[in-house]
Amino acid sequence: APGDQGADFVSRCFYPAVGVDEDPVTGSAHCTLAAHWG
């Protein structure tokens, strides 16, 4: 969603298919997020 508290965007990332219910901070997801929010 659009960001708040000084961020341009916020996110949460969920990967139960590879054994990670919620990933705390996901670098690879920010390659995807950059495409959208840029």
Full PDB file with SEQRES, HELIX, SHEET, SSBOND, CRYST1, ORIGX, SCALE, CONECT and MASTER records, all heavy atoms in Angstrom:
SEQRES   1 A   38  ALA PRO GLY ASP GLN GLY ALA ASP PHE VAL SER ARG CYS          
SEQRES   2 A   38  PHE TYR PRO ALA VAL GLY VAL ASP GLU ASP PRO VAL THR          
SEQRES   3 A   38  GLY SER ALA HIS CYS THR LEU ALA ALA HIS TRP GLY              
HELIX    1 AA1 PRO A   16  VAL A   18  5                                   3    
HELIX    2 AA2 GLY A   27  TRP A   37  1                                  11    
SHEET    1 AA1 2 CYS A  13  TYR A  15  0                                        
SHEET    2 AA1 2 VAL A  20  ASP A  23 -1                                        
CRYST1    1.000    1.000    1.000  90.00  90.00  90.00 P 1           1          
ORIGX1      1.000000  0.000000  0.000000        0.00000                         
ORIGX2      0.000000  1.000000  0.000000        0.00000                         
ORIGX3      0.000000  0.000000  1.000000        0.00000                         
SCALE1      1.000000  0.000000  0.000000        0.00000                         
SCALE2      0.000000  1.000000  0.000000        0.00000                         
SCALE3      0.000000  0.000000  1.000000        0.00000                         
ATOM      1  N   ALA A   1       0.864  -1.188   0.000  1.00  0.00           N  
ATOM      2  CA  ALA A   1       0.000   0.000   0.000  1.00  0.00           C  
ATOM      3  C   ALA A   1       0.894   1.229   0.000  1.00  0.00           C  
ATOM      4  O   ALA A   1       2.102   1.133   0.285  1.00  0.00           O  
ATOM      5  CB  ALA A   1      -0.919  -0.004   1.228  1.00  0.00           C  
ATOM      6  N   PRO A   2       0.318   2.407  -0.296  1.00  0.00           N  
ATOM      7  CA  PRO A   2       1.113   3.631  -0.166  1.00  0.00           C  
ATOM      8  C   PRO A   2       1.681   3.768   1.240  1.00  0.00           C  
ATOM      9  O   PRO A   2       1.079   3.344   2.224  1.00  0.00           O  
ATOM     10  CB  PRO A   2       0.096   4.738  -0.473  1.00  0.00           C  
ATOM     11  CG  PRO A   2      -0.948   4.077  -1.311  1.00  0.00           C  
ATOM     12  CD  PRO A   2      -1.045   2.666  -0.783  1.00  0.00           C  
ATOM     13  N   GLY A   3       2.858   4.375   1.323  1.00  0.00           N  
ATOM     14  CA  GLY A   3       3.556   4.436   2.588  1.00  0.00           C  
ATOM     15  C   GLY A   3       3.054   5.517   3.525  1.00  0.00           C  
ATOM     16  O   GLY A   3       2.274   6.393   3.152  1.00  0.00           O  
ATOM     17  N   ASP A   4       3.510   5.410   4.754  1.00  0.00           N  
ATOM     18  CA  ASP A   4       3.298   6.442   5.755  1.00  0.00           C  
ATOM     19  C   ASP A   4       4.572   6.530   6.589  1.00  0.00           C  
ATOM     20  O   ASP A   4       5.539   5.802   6.346  1.00  0.00           O  
ATOM     21  CB  ASP A   4       2.053   6.174   6.617  1.00  0.00           C  
ATOM     22  CG  ASP A   4       2.115   4.861   7.375  1.00  0.00           C  
ATOM     23  OD1 ASP A   4       3.162   4.169   7.321  1.00  0.00           O  
ATOM     24  OD2 ASP A   4       1.118   4.506   8.043  1.00  0.00           O  
ATOM     25  N   GLN A   5       4.614   7.459   7.528  1.00  0.00           N  
ATOM     26  CA  GLN A   5       5.756   7.608   8.425  1.00  0.00           C  
ATOM     27  C   GLN A   5       7.076   7.730   7.664  1.00  0.00           C  
ATOM     28  O   GLN A   5       8.108   7.163   8.043  1.00  0.00           O  
ATOM     29  CB  GLN A   5       5.804   6.445   9.421  1.00  0.00           C  
ATOM     30  CG  GLN A   5       4.541   6.322  10.269  1.00  0.00           C  
ATOM     31  CD  GLN A   5       4.572   5.139  11.219  1.00  0.00           C  
ATOM     32  OE1 GLN A   5       5.606   4.493  11.401  1.00  0.00           O  
ATOM     33  NE2 GLN A   5       3.430   4.854  11.835  1.00  0.00           N  
ATOM     34  N   GLY A   6       7.036   8.470   6.547  1.00  0.00           N  
ATOM     35  CA  GLY A   6       8.242   8.757   5.796  1.00  0.00           C  
ATOM     36  C   GLY A   6       8.598   7.779   4.704  1.00  0.00           C  
ATOM     37  O   GLY A   6       9.564   7.999   3.958  1.00  0.00           O  
ATOM     38  N   ALA A   7       7.848   6.696   4.566  1.00  0.00           N  
ATOM     39  CA  ALA A   7       8.122   5.706   3.519  1.00  0.00           C  
ATOM     40  C   ALA A   7       7.273   5.989   2.286  1.00  0.00           C  
ATOM     41  O   ALA A   7       6.164   6.508   2.373  1.00  0.00           O  
ATOM     42  CB  ALA A   7       7.826   4.300   4.034  1.00  0.00           C  
ATOM     43  N   ASP A   8       7.810   5.615   1.114  1.00  0.00           N  
ATOM     44  CA  ASP A   8       7.036   5.741  -0.122  1.00  0.00           C  
ATOM     45  C   ASP A   8       5.987   4.643  -0.237  1.00  0.00           C  
ATOM     46  O   ASP A   8       4.920   4.855  -0.815  1.00  0.00           O  
ATOM     47  CB  ASP A   8       7.972   5.691  -1.333  1.00  0.00           C  
ATOM     48  CG  ASP A   8       8.884   6.902  -1.409  1.00  0.00           C  
ATOM     49  OD1 ASP A   8       8.372   8.016  -1.615  1.00  0.00           O  
ATOM     50  OD2 ASP A   8      10.103   6.724  -1.250  1.00  0.00           O  
ATOM     51  N   PHE A   9       6.308   3.470   0.291  1.00  0.00           N  
ATOM     52  CA  PHE A   9       5.358   2.354   0.256  1.00  0.00           C  
ATOM     53  C   PHE A   9       5.652   1.434   1.430  1.00  0.00           C  
ATOM     54  O   PHE A   9       6.739   1.459   2.017  1.00  0.00           O  
ATOM     55  CB  PHE A   9       5.434   1.584  -1.067  1.00  0.00           C  
ATOM     56  CG  PHE A   9       6.784   0.986  -1.364  1.00  0.00           C  
ATOM     57  CD1 PHE A   9       7.125  -0.278  -0.900  1.00  0.00           C  
ATOM     58  CD2 PHE A   9       7.724   1.685  -2.114  1.00  0.00           C  
ATOM     59  CE1 PHE A   9       8.367  -0.832  -1.161  1.00  0.00           C  
ATOM     60  CE2 PHE A   9       8.982   1.145  -2.378  1.00  0.00           C  
ATOM     61  CZ  PHE A   9       9.305  -0.111  -1.905  1.00  0.00           C  
ATOM     62  N   VAL A  10       4.665   0.619   1.770  1.00  0.00           N  
ATOM     63  CA  VAL A  10       4.820  -0.392   2.811  1.00  0.00           C  
ATOM     64  C   VAL A  10       4.455  -1.754   2.228  1.00  0.00           C  
ATOM     65  O   VAL A  10       3.793  -1.839   1.183  1.00  0.00           O  
ATOM     66  CB  VAL A  10       3.953  -0.092   4.049  1.00  0.00           C  
ATOM     67  CG1 VAL A  10       4.339   1.249   4.662  1.00  0.00           C  
ATOM     68  CG2 VAL A  10       2.467  -0.115   3.692  1.00  0.00           C  
ATOM     69  N   SER A  11       4.863  -2.798   2.912  1.00  0.00           N  
ATOM     70  CA  SER A  11       4.573  -4.148   2.413  1.00  0.00           C  
ATOM     71  C   SER A  11       4.651  -5.155   3.543  1.00  0.00           C  
ATOM     72  O   SER A  11       5.205  -4.890   4.611  1.00  0.00           O  
ATOM     73  CB  SER A  11       5.573  -4.539   1.313  1.00  0.00           C  
ATOM     74  OG  SER A  11       6.880  -4.660   1.852  1.00  0.00           O  
ATOM     75  N   ARG A  12       4.076  -6.321   3.278  1.00  0.00           N  
ATOM     76  CA  ARG A  12       4.325  -7.544   4.024  1.00  0.00           C  
ATOM     77  C   ARG A  12       4.392  -8.687   3.016  1.00  0.00           C  
ATOM     78  O   ARG A  12       3.727  -8.622   1.971  1.00  0.00           O  
ATOM     79  CB  ARG A  12       3.237  -7.805   5.072  1.00  0.00           C  
ATOM     80  CG  ARG A  12       3.332  -6.833   6.259  1.00  0.00           C  
ATOM     81  CD  ARG A  12       2.172  -6.960   7.213  1.00  0.00           C  
ATOM     82  NE  ARG A  12       2.135  -8.269   7.867  1.00  0.00           N  
ATOM     83  CZ  ARG A  12       1.084  -8.717   8.563  1.00  0.00           C  
ATOM     84  NH1 ARG A  12      -0.010  -7.962   8.681  1.00  0.00           N  
ATOM     85  NH2 ARG A  12       1.123  -9.898   9.138  1.00  0.00           N  
ATOM     86  N   CYS A  13       5.183  -9.731   3.331  1.00  0.00           N  
ATOM     87  CA  CYS A  13       5.465 -10.778   2.357  1.00  0.00           C  
ATOM     88  C   CYS A  13       5.282 -12.157   2.991  1.00  0.00           C  
ATOM     89  O   CYS A  13       5.808 -12.414   4.080  1.00  0.00           O  
ATOM     90  CB  CYS A  13       6.896 -10.639   1.841  1.00  0.00           C  
ATOM     91  SG  CYS A  13       7.211  -9.074   1.000  1.00  0.00           S  
ATOM     92  N   PHE A  14       4.579 -13.023   2.264  1.00  0.00           N  
ATOM     93  CA  PHE A  14       4.187 -14.335   2.794  1.00  0.00           C  
ATOM     94  C   PHE A  14       4.618 -15.428   1.810  1.00  0.00           C  
ATOM     95  O   PHE A  14       4.257 -15.375   0.621  1.00  0.00           O  
ATOM     96  CB  PHE A  14       2.674 -14.377   2.995  1.00  0.00           C  
ATOM     97  CG  PHE A  14       2.159 -13.246   3.859  1.00  0.00           C  
ATOM     98  CD1 PHE A  14       1.687 -12.078   3.287  1.00  0.00           C  
ATOM     99  CD2 PHE A  14       2.174 -13.348   5.244  1.00  0.00           C  
ATOM    100  CE1 PHE A  14       1.221 -11.032   4.068  1.00  0.00           C  
ATOM    101  CE2 PHE A  14       1.712 -12.306   6.038  1.00  0.00           C  
ATOM    102  CZ  PHE A  14       1.236 -11.151   5.456  1.00  0.00           C  
ATOM    103  N   TYR A  15       5.365 -16.443   2.330  1.00  0.00           N  
ATOM    104  CA  TYR A  15       5.915 -17.499   1.474  1.00  0.00           C  
ATOM    105  C   TYR A  15       5.733 -18.890   2.091  1.00  0.00           C  
ATOM    106  O   TYR A  15       6.700 -19.655   2.195  1.00  0.00           O  
ATOM    107  CB  TYR A  15       7.400 -17.234   1.215  1.00  0.00           C  
ATOM    108  CG  TYR A  15       7.668 -15.900   0.569  1.00  0.00           C  
ATOM    109  CD1 TYR A  15       8.143 -14.831   1.319  1.00  0.00           C  
ATOM    110  CD2 TYR A  15       7.435 -15.697  -0.788  1.00  0.00           C  
ATOM    111  CE1 TYR A  15       8.380 -13.596   0.740  1.00  0.00           C  
ATOM    112  CE2 TYR A  15       7.671 -14.471  -1.381  1.00  0.00           C  
ATOM    113  CZ  TYR A  15       8.144 -13.426  -0.606  1.00  0.00           C  
ATOM    114  OH  TYR A  15       8.374 -12.204  -1.195  1.00  0.00           O  
ATOM    115  N   PRO A  16       4.540 -19.272   2.487  1.00  0.00           N  
ATOM    116  CA  PRO A  16       4.379 -20.600   3.094  1.00  0.00           C  
ATOM    117  C   PRO A  16       4.705 -21.742   2.143  1.00  0.00           C  
ATOM    118  O   PRO A  16       5.055 -22.836   2.598  1.00  0.00           O  
ATOM    119  CB  PRO A  16       2.906 -20.619   3.522  1.00  0.00           C  
ATOM    120  CG  PRO A  16       2.241 -19.570   2.689  1.00  0.00           C  
ATOM    121  CD  PRO A  16       3.275 -18.512   2.465  1.00  0.00           C  
ATOM    122  N   ALA A  17       4.642 -21.514   0.831  1.00  0.00           N  
ATOM    123  CA  ALA A  17       4.943 -22.587  -0.120  1.00  0.00           C  
ATOM    124  C   ALA A  17       6.400 -23.024  -0.044  1.00  0.00           C  
ATOM    125  O   ALA A  17       6.737 -24.152  -0.426  1.00  0.00           O  
ATOM    126  CB  ALA A  17       4.605 -22.134  -1.542  1.00  0.00           C  
ATOM    127  N   VAL A  18       7.290 -22.143   0.454  1.00  0.00           N  
ATOM    128  CA  VAL A  18       8.698 -22.514   0.609  1.00  0.00           C  
ATOM    129  C   VAL A  18       9.103 -22.519   2.084  1.00  0.00           C  
ATOM    130  O   VAL A  18      10.275 -22.364   2.428  1.00  0.00           O  
ATOM    131  CB  VAL A  18       9.628 -21.594  -0.213  1.00  0.00           C  
ATOM    132  CG1 VAL A  18       9.424 -21.820  -1.694  1.00  0.00           C  
ATOM    133  CG2 VAL A  18       9.424 -20.121   0.153  1.00  0.00           C  
ATOM    134  N   GLY A  19       8.123 -22.702   2.974  1.00  0.00           N  
ATOM    135  CA  GLY A  19       8.417 -22.892   4.376  1.00  0.00           C  
ATOM    136  C   GLY A  19       8.589 -21.632   5.196  1.00  0.00           C  
ATOM    137  O   GLY A  19       9.082 -21.695   6.322  1.00  0.00           O  
ATOM    138  N   VAL A  20       8.181 -20.472   4.665  1.00  0.00           N  
ATOM    139  CA  VAL A  20       8.325 -19.200   5.376  1.00  0.00           C  
ATOM    140  C   VAL A  20       6.955 -18.539   5.428  1.00  0.00           C  
ATOM    141  O   VAL A  20       6.496 -17.958   4.439  1.00  0.00           O  
ATOM    142  CB  VAL A  20       9.338 -18.277   4.675  1.00  0.00           C  
ATOM    143  CG1 VAL A  20       9.493 -16.962   5.452  1.00  0.00           C  
ATOM    144  CG2 VAL A  20      10.682 -18.969   4.517  1.00  0.00           C  
ATOM    145  N   ASP A  21       6.284 -18.627   6.567  1.00  0.00           N  
ATOM    146  CA  ASP A  21       4.938 -18.075   6.655  1.00  0.00           C  
ATOM    147  C   ASP A  21       4.943 -16.576   6.358  1.00  0.00           C  
ATOM    148  O   ASP A  21       4.206 -16.101   5.493  1.00  0.00           O  
ATOM    149  CB  ASP A  21       4.335 -18.340   8.031  1.00  0.00           C  
ATOM    150  CG  ASP A  21       3.884 -19.780   8.189  1.00  0.00           C  
ATOM    151  OD1 ASP A  21       3.879 -20.520   7.182  1.00  0.00           O  
ATOM    152  OD2 ASP A  21       3.552 -20.172   9.320  1.00  0.00           O  
ATOM    153  N   GLU A  22       5.738 -15.815   7.104  1.00  0.00           N  
ATOM    154  CA  GLU A  22       5.908 -14.389   6.817  1.00  0.00           C  
ATOM    155  C   GLU A  22       7.383 -14.052   6.927  1.00  0.00           C  
ATOM    156  O   GLU A  22       8.008 -14.301   7.958  1.00  0.00           O  
ATOM    157  CB  GLU A  22       5.104 -13.499   7.758  1.00  0.00           C  
ATOM    158  CG  GLU A  22       5.314 -12.012   7.447  1.00  0.00           C  
ATOM    159  CD  GLU A  22       4.375 -11.057   8.166  1.00  0.00           C  
ATOM    160  OE1 GLU A  22       3.578 -11.543   8.998  1.00  0.00           O  
ATOM    161  OE2 GLU A  22       4.424  -9.847   7.902  1.00  0.00           O  
ATOM    162  N   ASP A  23       7.923 -13.476   5.857  1.00  0.00           N  
ATOM    163  CA  ASP A  23       9.326 -13.094   5.846  1.00  0.00           C  
ATOM    164  C   ASP A  23       9.465 -11.704   6.460  1.00  0.00           C  
ATOM    165  O   ASP A  23       8.740 -10.783   6.073  1.00  0.00           O  
ATOM    166  CB  ASP A  23       9.843 -13.090   4.413  1.00  0.00           C  
ATOM    167  CG  ASP A  23      11.352 -13.145   4.339  1.00  0.00           C  
ATOM    168  OD1 ASP A  23      11.970 -13.767   5.214  1.00  0.00           O  
ATOM    169  OD2 ASP A  23      11.908 -12.562   3.397  1.00  0.00           O  
ATOM    170  N   PRO A  24      10.392 -11.505   7.414  1.00  0.00           N  
ATOM    171  CA  PRO A  24      10.461 -10.209   8.085  1.00  0.00           C  
ATOM    172  C   PRO A  24      10.796  -9.032   7.170  1.00  0.00           C  
ATOM    173  O   PRO A  24      10.138  -7.991   7.231  1.00  0.00           O  
ATOM    174  CB  PRO A  24      11.545 -10.421   9.142  1.00  0.00           C  
ATOM    175  CG  PRO A  24      11.509 -11.878   9.443  1.00  0.00           C  
ATOM    176  CD  PRO A  24      11.216 -12.517   8.114  1.00  0.00           C  
ATOM    177  N   VAL A  25      11.833  -9.167   6.336  1.00  0.00           N  
ATOM    178  CA  VAL A  25      12.205  -8.111   5.379  1.00  0.00           C  
ATOM    179  C   VAL A  25      12.757  -8.812   4.144  1.00  0.00           C  
ATOM    180  O   VAL A  25      13.720  -9.566   4.245  1.00  0.00           O  
ATOM    181  CB  VAL A  25      13.259  -7.137   5.928  1.00  0.00           C  
ATOM    182  CG1 VAL A  25      13.346  -5.904   5.019  1.00  0.00           C  
ATOM    183  CG2 VAL A  25      12.966  -6.713   7.348  1.00  0.00           C  
ATOM    184  N   THR A  26      12.189  -8.534   2.972  1.00  0.00           N  
ATOM    185  CA  THR A  26      12.431  -9.351   1.782  1.00  0.00           C  
ATOM    186  C   THR A  26      13.057  -8.511   0.676  1.00  0.00           C  
ATOM    187  O   THR A  26      12.379  -7.731   0.005  1.00  0.00           O  
ATOM    188  CB  THR A  26      11.115  -9.975   1.284  1.00  0.00           C  
ATOM    189  OG1 THR A  26      10.399 -10.510   2.400  1.00  0.00           O  
ATOM    190  CG2 THR A  26      11.379 -11.060   0.262  1.00  0.00           C  
ATOM    191  N   GLY A  27      14.366  -8.698   0.460  1.00  0.00           N  
ATOM    192  CA  GLY A  27      15.034  -7.933  -0.589  1.00  0.00           C  
ATOM    193  C   GLY A  27      14.502  -8.237  -1.971  1.00  0.00           C  
ATOM    194  O   GLY A  27      14.238  -7.318  -2.768  1.00  0.00           O  
ATOM    195  N   SER A  28      14.336  -9.527  -2.303  1.00  0.00           N  
ATOM    196  CA  SER A  28      13.875  -9.877  -3.648  1.00  0.00           C  
ATOM    197  C   SER A  28      12.489  -9.306  -3.933  1.00  0.00           C  
ATOM    198  O   SER A  28      12.192  -8.908  -5.065  1.00  0.00           O  
ATOM    199  CB  SER A  28      13.873 -11.394  -3.832  1.00  0.00           C  
ATOM    200  OG  SER A  28      13.011 -12.028  -2.908  1.00  0.00           O  
ATOM    201  N   ALA A  29      11.629  -9.234  -2.917  1.00  0.00           N  
ATOM    202  CA  ALA A  29      10.298  -8.656  -3.121  1.00  0.00           C  
ATOM    203  C   ALA A  29      10.382  -7.177  -3.483  1.00  0.00           C  
ATOM    204  O   ALA A  29       9.511  -6.655  -4.188  1.00  0.00           O  
ATOM    205  CB  ALA A  29       9.450  -8.836  -1.871  1.00  0.00           C  
ATOM    206  N   HIS A  30      11.437  -6.505  -3.015  1.00  0.00           N  
ATOM    207  CA  HIS A  30      11.565  -5.083  -3.334  1.00  0.00           C  
ATOM    208  C   HIS A  30      11.976  -4.854  -4.790  1.00  0.00           C  
ATOM    209  O   HIS A  30      11.808  -3.747  -5.306  1.00  0.00           O  
ATOM    210  CB  HIS A  30      12.518  -4.404  -2.350  1.00  0.00           C  
ATOM    211  CG  HIS A  30      11.850  -4.074  -1.056  1.00  0.00           C  
ATOM    212  ND1 HIS A  30      11.580  -5.040  -0.098  1.00  0.00           N  
ATOM    213  CD2 HIS A  30      11.346  -2.910  -0.570  1.00  0.00           C  
ATOM    214  CE1 HIS A  30      10.959  -4.469   0.924  1.00  0.00           C  
ATOM    215  NE2 HIS A  30      10.803  -3.187   0.669  1.00  0.00           N  
ATOM    216  N   CYS A  31      12.470  -5.882  -5.468  1.00  0.00           N  
ATOM    217  CA  CYS A  31      12.644  -5.775  -6.922  1.00  0.00           C  
ATOM    218  C   CYS A  31      11.284  -5.713  -7.604  1.00  0.00           C  
ATOM    219  O   CYS A  31      11.099  -5.003  -8.601  1.00  0.00           O  
ATOM    220  CB  CYS A  31      13.439  -6.967  -7.439  1.00  0.00           C  
ATOM    221  SG  CYS A  31      15.119  -7.065  -6.798  1.00  0.00           S  
ATOM    222  N   THR A  32      10.317  -6.453  -7.077  1.00  0.00           N  
ATOM    223  CA  THR A  32       8.943  -6.426  -7.585  1.00  0.00           C  
ATOM    224  C   THR A  32       8.251  -5.140  -7.171  1.00  0.00           C  
ATOM    225  O   THR A  32       7.597  -4.472  -7.989  1.00  0.00           O  
ATOM    226  CB  THR A  32       8.172  -7.647  -7.043  1.00  0.00           C  
ATOM    227  OG1 THR A  32       8.931  -8.834  -7.269  1.00  0.00           O  
ATOM    228  CG2 THR A  32       6.815  -7.778  -7.698  1.00  0.00           C  
ATOM    229  N   LEU A  33       8.391  -4.762  -5.905  1.00  0.00           N  
ATOM    230  CA  LEU A  33       7.775  -3.528  -5.411  1.00  0.00           C  
ATOM    231  C   LEU A  33       8.319  -2.306  -6.142  1.00  0.00           C  
ATOM    232  O   LEU A  33       7.578  -1.355  -6.413  1.00  0.00           O  
ATOM    233  CB  LEU A  33       8.032  -3.414  -3.911  1.00  0.00           C  
ATOM    234  CG  LEU A  33       7.254  -4.405  -3.045  1.00  0.00           C  
ATOM    235  CD1 LEU A  33       7.941  -4.597  -1.696  1.00  0.00           C  
ATOM    236  CD2 LEU A  33       5.811  -3.933  -2.849  1.00  0.00           C  
ATOM    237  N   ALA A  34       9.611  -2.306  -6.475  1.00  0.00           N  
ATOM    238  CA  ALA A  34      10.195  -1.173  -7.193  1.00  0.00           C  
ATOM    239  C   ALA A  34       9.543  -0.983  -8.557  1.00  0.00           C  
ATOM    240  O   ALA A  34       9.309   0.146  -8.994  1.00  0.00           O  
ATOM    241  CB  ALA A  34      11.702  -1.387  -7.357  1.00  0.00           C  
ATOM    242  N   ALA A  35       9.239  -2.110  -9.234  1.00  0.00           N  
ATOM    243  CA  ALA A  35       8.595  -2.007 -10.537  1.00  0.00           C  
ATOM    244  C   ALA A  35       7.238  -1.338 -10.434  1.00  0.00           C  
ATOM    245  O   ALA A  35       6.857  -0.507 -11.267  1.00  0.00           O  
ATOM    246  CB  ALA A  35       8.468  -3.398 -11.167  1.00  0.00           C  
ATOM    247  N   HIS A  36       6.484  -1.696  -9.381  1.00  0.00           N  
ATOM    248  CA  HIS A  36       5.141  -1.121  -9.220  1.00  0.00           C  
ATOM    249  C   HIS A  36       5.199   0.329  -8.759  1.00  0.00           C  
ATOM    250  O   HIS A  36       4.625   1.217  -9.402  1.00  0.00           O  
ATOM    251  CB  HIS A  36       4.337  -1.945  -8.214  1.00  0.00           C  
ATOM    252  CG  HIS A  36       2.976  -1.373  -7.953  1.00  0.00           C  
ATOM    253  ND1 HIS A  36       1.922  -1.549  -8.820  1.00  0.00           N  
ATOM    254  CD2 HIS A  36       2.493  -0.612  -6.937  1.00  0.00           C  
ATOM    255  CE1 HIS A  36       0.855  -0.928  -8.348  1.00  0.00           C  
ATOM    256  NE2 HIS A  36       1.182  -0.343  -7.202  1.00  0.00           N  
ATOM    257  N   TRP A  37       5.899   0.586  -7.666  1.00  0.00           N  
ATOM    258  CA  TRP A  37       5.831   1.922  -7.060  1.00  0.00           C  
ATOM    259  C   TRP A  37       6.690   2.934  -7.799  1.00  0.00           C  
ATOM    260  O   TRP A  37       6.376   4.132  -7.789  1.00  0.00           O  
ATOM    261  CB  TRP A  37       6.210   1.839  -5.585  1.00  0.00           C  
ATOM    262  CG  TRP A  37       5.143   1.146  -4.788  1.00  0.00           C  
ATOM    263  CD1 TRP A  37       5.210  -0.086  -4.209  1.00  0.00           C  
ATOM    264  CD2 TRP A  37       3.830   1.635  -4.511  1.00  0.00           C  
ATOM    265  NE1 TRP A  37       4.028  -0.402  -3.596  1.00  0.00           N  
ATOM    266  CE2 TRP A  37       3.164   0.643  -3.755  1.00  0.00           C  
ATOM    267  CE3 TRP A  37       3.150   2.814  -4.825  1.00  0.00           C  
ATOM    268  CZ2 TRP A  37       1.854   0.800  -3.314  1.00  0.00           C  
ATOM    269  CZ3 TRP A  37       1.845   2.972  -4.384  1.00  0.00           C  
ATOM    270  CH2 TRP A  37       1.211   1.973  -3.643  1.00  0.00           C  
ATOM    271  N   GLY A  38       7.746   2.481  -8.471  1.00  0.00           N  
ATOM    272  CA  GLY A  38       8.509   3.415  -9.290  1.00  0.00           C  
ATOM    273  C   GLY A  38       7.655   4.016 -10.390  1.00  0.00           C  
ATOM    274  O   GLY A  38       7.662   5.235 -10.623  1.00  0.00           O  
TER     275      GLY A  38                                                      
MASTER        0    0    0    2    2    0    0    6  274    1    0    3          
END                                                                             
